[in-house]
C-alpha atoms as a PDB file:
ATOM      1  CA  MET A   1       0.075  -0.115  -0.080  1.00  0.00           C
ATOM      2  CA  GLU A   2       1.524   3.188  -1.059  1.00  0.00           C
ATOM      3  CA  ARG A   3       0.730   5.830   1.601  1.00  0.00           C
ATOM      4  CA  GLU A   4      -1.265   9.266   0.925  1.00  0.00           C
ATOM      5  CA  LEU A   5       0.273  12.286  -0.219  1.00  0.00           C
ATOM      6  CA  THR A   6      -0.518  15.595   1.577  1.00  0.00           C
ATOM      7  CA  PRO A   7      -1.547  18.385  -0.269  1.00  0.00           C
ATOM      8  CA  VAL A   8       1.394  19.968  -0.480  1.00  0.00           C
ATOM      9  CA  GLU A   9       3.700  17.218  -1.700  1.00  0.00           C
ATOM     10  CA  ALA A  10       0.898  16.535  -4.177  1.00  0.00           C
ATOM     11  CA  ARG A  11       0.831  20.104  -5.489  1.00  0.00           C
ATOM     12  CA  SER A  12       4.848  19.987  -5.654  1.00  0.00           C
ATOM     13  CA  GLY A  13       4.609  17.098  -7.834  1.00  0.00           C
ATOM     14  CA  VAL A  14       2.125  18.877 -10.350  1.00  0.00           C
ATOM     15  CA  VAL A  15       4.489  22.037 -10.072  1.00  0.00           C
ATOM     16  CA  SER A  16       7.496  20.058 -10.952  1.00  0.00           C
ATOM     17  CA  GLY A  17       5.853  17.972 -14.018  1.00  0.00           C
ATOM     18  CA  ARG A  18       4.785  21.463 -14.801  1.00  0.00           C
ATOM     19  CA  ILE A  19       8.088  23.224 -15.021  1.00  0.00           C
ATOM     20  CA  LEU A  20       9.781  20.061 -16.701  1.00  0.00           C
ATOM     21  CA  THR A  21       7.023  20.512 -19.690  1.00  0.00           C
ATOM     22  CA  ILE A  22       7.614  24.258 -19.746  1.00  0.00           C
ATOM     23  CA  LEU A  23      11.360  23.305 -20.050  1.00  0.00           C
ATOM     24  CA  VAL A  24      10.808  21.054 -22.430  1.00  0.00           C
ATOM     25  CA  LEU A  25       8.379  23.092 -24.482  1.00  0.00           C
ATOM     26  CA  SER A  26      10.818  26.318 -24.346  1.00  0.00           C
ATOM     27  CA  SER A  27      14.067  23.870 -25.871  1.00  0.00           C
ATOM     28  CA  LEU A  28      12.120  22.696 -28.569  1.00  0.00           C
ATOM     29  CA  GLY A  29      10.762  26.186 -29.270  1.00  0.00           C
ATOM     30  CA  ALA A  30      14.851  27.426 -29.268  1.00  0.00           C
ATOM     31  CA  ILE A  31      15.556  24.970 -31.437  1.00  0.00           C
ATOM     32  CA  ALA A  32      12.968  25.897 -33.803  1.00  0.00           C
ATOM     33  CA  ALA A  33      13.973  29.243 -33.979  1.00  0.00           C
ATOM     34  CA  LEU A  34      17.336  28.527 -34.399  1.00  0.00           C
ATOM     35  CA  ALA A  35      16.650  26.433 -37.334  1.00  0.00           C
ATOM     36  CA  ILE A  36      14.681  28.970 -38.924  1.00  0.00           C
ATOM     37  CA  ALA A  37      17.094  31.711 -38.389  1.00  0.00           C
ATOM     38  CA  TRP A  38      20.057  29.210 -39.919  1.00  0.00           C
ATOM     39  CA  PHE A  39      18.045  29.098 -43.218  1.00  0.00           C
ATOM     40  CA  PHE A  40      17.731  32.877 -43.227  1.00  0.00           C
ATOM     41  CA  ILE A  41      21.066  33.562 -42.394  1.00  0.00           C
ATOM     42  CA  PHE A  42      22.631  30.909 -44.823  1.00  0.00           C
ATOM     43  CA  PRO A  43      20.072  30.408 -47.734  1.00  0.00           C
ATOM     44  CA  GLN A  44      21.373  27.348 -49.948  1.00  0.00           C
END
């Protein structure tokens, strides 16, 4: 049996998950922006 989480523990899990999601999305956005800039700076 797993013990029940307190509201604070449950909330910290949600917050850390949200932070992780934001980090991943912003990283992907940065990579996409760099790729687009690269094609504008160095056209074939």
